[in-house]
Amino acid sequence: MLFRVTAAGLGCLLLITTAAACGNGRTYSTTKADASYNLGAMALRQSDVPSGLAEQAVVHDYDNAAWAKIMGATDATAETKDLTDNVGRVRSYVAAFSAPQIQKVYEVIGISTLYTTVDKAEKQIAGYCGVPATAAAPAAAARFSVPKIGDEATGFFVTEQRADASGNPQTFTDTTLCFRTGRILHAVQTTSVPGAEDIATTVRLAQLMLGHVNDTFDGIIPPPTPTSSVTPPASASAGASGTASASGTPQAGAGSTTPVPGTAPTGSTTPVPASVTATP
């Protein structure tokens, strides 16, 4: 599952993979105006990710019209209307990091998506957490157990073949953990070669992201770090009408959350980096 935004043992595999809210009683406001939610301040930062990864110059903000293109919709107008009226999606913020060559964690994508209601957000966490995908939800065998993060959390794997940074075909596995805070869904996706999946790192990144989310809700907002933007490639295998793809980085694709330069592979879920799509 790849939701790429690039321009171009902590848990066993279990069938039950959703964790309930943290026990500290923390709650997240759901009644503020949509524009009041600073998704960019909630994003992962360079200091959060493993060494060897660098933040990518990608498009960060996605309204529904832009997301419809990431999903590879044949009728962008109809898809935009569906995302708005039926899915209840408002907007997303994407941050992507990648390494120039293959390493244990090759890419990291972080996506925060605001929905109109808690109910709409809850429906998306049951699938691919709002990431473009070709299937409705990950298979039970692809899910893994997760700790309690935010209001609820879930995790899943997606394995697919796509081009690496040099354009050569390579099989990757995307490890995605998504968690909800009120009516916002956050997806953290790490990409590795099969056999090198790193659940512990993915969980650590999600916990760091939760810290940024909590600080943002508490009014502790860091100064913005300017980054250049690029137009994300359309997903070649995005699912229709609110369905997420399960393939890796916001590359457009199902199950993936990293966009990378280039065209997203079939079945991937990454918007910005070339690896933002997810294919189960």
Protein backbone atom coordinates (compact mmCIF):
# COMPACT_ATOMS: atom_id res chain seq x y z
CA MET A 1 0.00 0.00 0.00
CA LEU A 2 1.69 3.06 -1.13
CA PHE A 3 0.66 6.59 -0.52
CA ARG A 4 3.81 8.19 -1.68
CA VAL A 5 4.39 11.83 -1.37
CA THR A 6 7.71 11.79 -3.11
CA ALA A 7 7.83 13.53 -6.38
CA ALA A 8 8.93 10.69 -8.57
CA GLY A 9 9.07 -7.42 17.72
CA LEU A 10 6.41 -5.17 18.95
CA GLY A 11 3.36 -7.00 17.84
CA CYS A 12 2.45 -10.35 16.36
CA LEU A 13 0.21 -10.65 13.36
CA LEU A 14 -3.27 -10.86 14.79
CA LEU A 15 -6.78 -10.80 13.46
CA ILE A 16 -7.82 -8.28 16.07
CA THR A 17 -5.85 -5.10 15.50
CA THR A 18 -7.71 -2.05 16.71
CA ALA A 19 -6.76 -0.38 19.98
CA ALA A 20 -9.13 1.73 22.02
CA ALA A 21 -8.48 5.19 23.40
CA CYS A 22 -5.57 5.91 25.72
CA GLY A 23 -6.30 5.56 29.38
CA ASN A 24 -5.27 9.13 30.25
CA GLY A 25 -8.76 10.42 29.45
CA ARG A 26 -7.45 12.82 26.79
CA THR A 27 -10.14 14.16 24.47
CA TYR A 28 -9.89 16.12 21.22
CA SER A 29 -12.16 18.98 20.23
CA THR A 30 -14.44 18.15 17.32
CA THR A 31 -16.44 21.38 17.23
CA LYS A 32 -13.88 23.90 15.98
CA ALA A 33 -14.21 25.40 12.50
CA ASP A 34 -12.51 23.26 9.84
CA ALA A 35 -9.96 25.98 9.12
CA SER A 36 -8.94 26.06 12.79
CA TYR A 37 -7.30 22.62 12.67
CA ASN A 38 -3.60 23.13 11.90
CA LEU A 39 -2.78 19.82 10.24
CA GLY A 40 0.67 20.99 9.20
CA ALA A 41 1.71 21.50 12.82
CA MET A 42 0.72 17.90 13.53
CA ALA A 43 3.01 16.48 10.85
CA LEU A 44 6.13 14.36 11.27
CA ARG A 45 9.42 16.28 11.15
CA GLN A 46 12.94 15.60 9.96
CA SER A 47 14.08 15.11 13.56
CA ASP A 48 11.50 12.33 14.02
CA VAL A 49 12.54 9.96 11.21
CA PRO A 50 15.36 7.38 11.05
CA SER A 51 18.81 8.49 9.91
CA GLY A 52 19.41 8.38 6.17
CA LEU A 53 15.97 9.75 5.33
CA ALA A 54 15.49 13.30 4.03
CA GLU A 55 12.27 15.28 3.77
CA GLN A 56 11.00 15.41 0.21
CA ALA A 57 9.80 18.50 -1.65
CA VAL A 58 6.19 17.51 -2.16
CA VAL A 59 2.75 19.04 -2.22
CA HIS A 60 1.63 19.15 1.40
CA ASP A 61 -1.99 20.33 1.33
CA TYR A 62 -4.73 18.41 -0.47
CA ASP A 63 -8.33 19.48 -0.82
CA ASN A 64 -10.84 17.03 -2.28
CA ALA A 65 -10.27 18.07 -5.88
CA ALA A 66 -6.52 17.42 -5.54
CA TRP A 67 -7.14 14.14 -3.71
CA ALA A 68 -9.44 12.95 -6.48
CA LYS A 69 -6.50 13.29 -8.87
CA ILE A 70 -4.25 11.34 -6.48
CA MET A 71 -6.82 8.57 -6.55
CA GLY A 72 -6.64 8.47 -10.34
CA ALA A 73 -10.36 9.12 -10.72
CA THR A 74 -11.61 8.97 -14.31
CA ASP A 75 -14.26 11.55 -13.41
CA ALA A 76 -12.51 13.96 -11.05
CA THR A 77 -15.60 16.11 -10.61
CA ALA A 78 -17.76 13.18 -9.52
CA GLU A 79 -15.02 11.83 -7.25
CA THR A 80 -14.55 15.23 -5.62
CA LYS A 81 -18.29 15.42 -4.94
CA ASP A 82 -18.28 11.90 -3.46
CA LEU A 83 -15.33 12.70 -1.18
CA THR A 84 -17.13 15.81 0.01
CA ASP A 85 -20.73 14.63 0.28
CA ASN A 86 -20.41 10.92 1.13
CA VAL A 87 -16.94 10.30 2.55
CA GLY A 88 -17.02 13.53 4.55
CA ARG A 89 -13.41 14.33 3.75
CA VAL A 90 -12.36 17.96 4.24
CA ARG A 91 -8.59 18.13 3.54
CA SER A 92 -5.24 16.43 4.19
CA TYR A 93 -1.67 17.35 4.97
CA VAL A 94 1.15 15.07 3.78
CA ALA A 95 4.83 14.90 4.75
CA ALA A 96 7.24 12.49 3.06
CA PHE A 97 10.80 11.35 3.75
CA SER A 98 12.97 8.95 1.74
CA ALA A 99 16.51 7.61 1.40
CA PRO A 100 18.61 7.81 -1.79
CA GLN A 101 19.18 4.07 -1.62
CA ILE A 102 17.56 1.00 -0.08
CA GLN A 103 17.91 0.76 3.70
CA LYS A 104 15.88 -0.90 6.47
CA VAL A 105 13.28 1.89 6.48
CA TYR A 106 13.44 3.28 2.97
CA GLU A 107 10.58 5.76 3.12
CA VAL A 108 8.29 7.35 5.70
CA ILE A 109 5.00 9.06 4.90
CA GLY A 110 2.75 10.87 7.35
CA ILE A 111 -0.79 11.96 6.47
CA SER A 112 -3.36 13.79 8.58
CA THR A 113 -6.91 13.98 7.19
CA LEU A 114 -9.76 16.05 8.62
CA TYR A 115 -13.33 14.75 8.28
CA THR A 116 -16.64 16.50 8.82
CA THR A 117 -17.65 14.28 11.75
CA VAL A 118 -16.20 11.68 14.10
CA ASP A 119 -18.48 9.08 12.51
CA LYS A 120 -17.02 9.73 9.06
CA ALA A 121 -13.49 9.39 10.44
CA GLU A 122 -14.39 6.16 12.24
CA LYS A 123 -15.68 4.65 9.01
CA GLN A 124 -12.39 5.39 7.26
CA ILE A 125 -10.20 3.86 9.98
CA ALA A 126 -12.01 0.58 9.36
CA GLY A 127 -10.51 0.59 5.84
CA TYR A 128 -7.28 2.20 4.67
CA CYS A 129 -7.61 5.30 6.84
CA GLY A 130 -8.40 7.62 3.96
CA VAL A 131 -5.36 6.64 1.91
CA PRO A 132 -6.11 5.93 -1.78
CA ALA A 133 -6.61 2.20 -2.26
CA THR A 134 -8.10 -0.32 -4.66
CA ALA A 135 -9.83 -2.41 -2.00
CA ALA A 136 -12.30 -1.47 0.71
CA ALA A 137 -10.14 -2.71 3.60
CA PRO A 138 -6.96 -4.68 4.35
CA ALA A 139 -7.30 -8.45 4.64
CA ALA A 140 -7.42 -9.77 8.21
CA ALA A 141 -4.11 -11.59 7.73
CA ALA A 142 -2.43 -8.32 6.74
CA ARG A 143 -3.25 -6.61 10.03
CA PHE A 144 -1.02 -6.41 13.11
CA SER A 145 -1.60 -5.48 16.72
CA VAL A 146 -0.99 -1.91 17.83
CA PRO A 147 -0.72 -0.07 21.16
CA LYS A 148 -3.26 2.49 22.33
CA ILE A 149 -2.70 5.73 20.43
CA GLY A 150 -5.20 8.60 20.38
CA ASP A 151 -8.88 7.64 20.38
CA GLU A 152 -8.28 4.41 18.44
CA ALA A 153 -5.60 2.90 16.24
CA THR A 154 -5.05 0.10 13.75
CA GLY A 155 -2.17 -1.32 11.70
CA PHE A 156 -1.72 -3.27 8.47
CA PHE A 157 0.84 -4.38 5.87
CA VAL A 158 0.70 -4.04 2.09
CA THR A 159 3.27 -5.63 -0.22
CA GLU A 160 3.65 -4.62 -3.85
CA GLN A 161 6.14 -4.17 -6.63
CA ARG A 162 7.08 -0.70 -7.80
CA ALA A 163 10.08 1.26 -9.00
CA ASP A 164 12.82 2.25 -6.57
CA ALA A 165 14.57 5.65 -6.58
CA SER A 166 16.60 4.57 -9.62
CA GLY A 167 13.54 3.45 -11.55
CA ASN A 168 14.27 -0.26 -11.16
CA PRO A 169 11.46 -2.69 -10.21
CA GLN A 170 11.58 -3.65 -6.54
CA THR A 171 9.22 -5.37 -4.13
CA PHE A 172 8.36 -3.28 -1.07
CA THR A 173 6.24 -3.77 2.04
CA ASP A 174 4.45 -0.80 3.56
CA THR A 175 3.82 -0.96 7.31
CA THR A 176 1.02 1.46 8.15
CA LEU A 177 -0.29 2.53 11.55
CA CYS A 178 -3.19 4.93 11.64
CA PHE A 179 -4.80 6.54 14.65
CA ARG A 180 -7.71 8.90 15.23
CA THR A 181 -7.88 12.07 17.33
CA GLY A 182 -11.44 13.35 17.25
CA ARG A 183 -12.40 13.83 13.61
CA ILE A 184 -8.83 13.70 12.30
CA LEU A 185 -7.18 10.50 11.03
CA HIS A 186 -3.39 10.23 11.00
CA ALA A 187 -1.57 7.58 8.96
CA VAL A 188 2.12 6.78 9.42
CA GLN A 189 3.61 4.51 6.77
CA THR A 190 7.12 3.06 6.68
CA THR A 191 8.42 1.29 3.58
CA SER A 192 10.93 -1.58 3.63
CA VAL A 193 11.91 -4.57 1.54
CA PRO A 194 10.00 -7.75 2.49
CA GLY A 195 11.42 -9.31 5.64
CA ALA A 196 12.70 -5.99 6.99
CA GLU A 197 9.33 -4.64 8.14
CA ASP A 198 9.79 -2.49 11.22
CA ILE A 199 6.65 -2.30 13.36
CA ALA A 200 8.57 -0.84 16.31
CA THR A 201 9.79 2.13 14.26
CA THR A 202 6.33 2.68 12.82
CA VAL A 203 4.82 2.72 16.30
CA ARG A 204 7.54 5.08 17.56
CA LEU A 205 6.84 7.48 14.69
CA ALA A 206 3.10 7.35 15.37
CA GLN A 207 3.73 8.16 19.04
CA LEU A 208 5.95 11.09 18.06
CA MET A 209 3.25 12.30 15.70
CA LEU A 210 0.69 12.01 18.49
CA GLY A 211 2.93 14.29 20.55
CA HIS A 212 2.79 16.90 17.78
CA VAL A 213 -0.98 16.47 17.57
CA ASN A 214 -1.38 16.97 21.32
CA ASP A 215 0.87 20.04 21.26
CA THR A 216 -1.18 21.50 18.42
CA PHE A 217 -4.47 20.95 20.26
CA ASP A 218 -2.83 22.52 23.33
CA GLY A 219 -1.72 25.57 21.35
CA ILE A 220 1.99 24.69 21.34
CA ILE A 221 2.68 25.18 17.64
CA PRO A 222 6.24 25.20 16.22
CA PRO A 223 7.27 27.73 13.57
CA PRO A 224 6.67 26.43 10.04
CA THR A 225 9.61 25.04 8.07
CA PRO A 226 9.39 26.18 4.42
CA THR A 227 9.64 23.37 1.88
CA SER A 228 9.24 23.46 -1.87
CA SER A 229 6.28 21.76 -3.48
CA VAL A 230 5.75 19.49 -6.43
CA THR A 231 2.67 18.31 -8.20
CA PRO A 232 1.92 14.68 -7.28
CA PRO A 233 1.49 12.10 -10.02
CA ALA A 234 -1.94 10.59 -10.58
CA SER A 235 -2.44 7.11 -9.21
CA ALA A 236 -2.57 4.41 -11.81
CA SER A 237 -4.52 2.09 -9.62
CA ALA A 238 -6.62 4.17 -7.32
CA GLY A 239 -9.95 2.79 -6.28
CA ALA A 240 -13.20 4.49 -6.95
CA SER A 241 -15.43 6.64 -4.84
CA GLY A 242 -13.81 6.95 -1.48
CA THR A 243 -12.12 3.58 -1.64
CA ALA A 244 -8.49 3.52 -0.55
CA SER A 245 -5.70 1.76 -2.41
CA ALA A 246 -3.43 -0.53 -0.49
CA SER A 247 0.05 0.07 -1.67
CA GLY A 248 2.73 2.22 -0.03
CA THR A 249 3.82 5.88 0.33
CA PRO A 250 1.63 8.81 -0.47
CA GLN A 251 2.11 7.59 -3.76
CA ALA A 252 -1.30 7.31 -4.98
CA GLY A 253 -2.41 3.84 -4.15
CA ALA A 254 -4.27 1.66 -1.74
CA GLY A 255 -2.85 0.90 1.60
CA SER A 256 0.12 3.17 0.94
CA THR A 257 0.84 6.63 2.13
CA THR A 258 3.88 8.07 0.42
CA PRO A 259 3.98 10.07 -2.82
CA VAL A 260 7.19 9.70 -4.80
CA PRO A 261 8.43 11.11 -8.06
CA GLY A 262 7.05 9.22 -10.95
CA THR A 263 3.93 7.25 -11.61
CA ALA A 264 2.36 5.30 -8.80
CA PRO A 265 2.24 1.53 -9.27
CA THR A 266 -0.99 -0.34 -9.58
CA GLY A 267 -2.55 -0.99 -6.26
CA SER A 268 -0.54 1.65 -4.46
CA THR A 269 -1.71 4.41 -2.08
CA THR A 270 0.76 7.26 -1.90
CA PRO A 271 -0.14 10.76 -3.02
CA VAL A 272 2.87 12.94 -3.01
CA PRO A 273 5.98 10.84 -3.13
CA ALA A 274 6.18 8.39 -5.92
CA SER A 275 5.07 5.69 -3.57
CA VAL A 276 1.67 6.79 -2.31
CA THR A 277 -0.69 3.95 -3.09
CA ALA A 278 -1.82 0.74 -1.46
CA THR A 279 -2.55 -2.57 -3.05
CA PRO A 280 -3.60 -5.49 -0.87
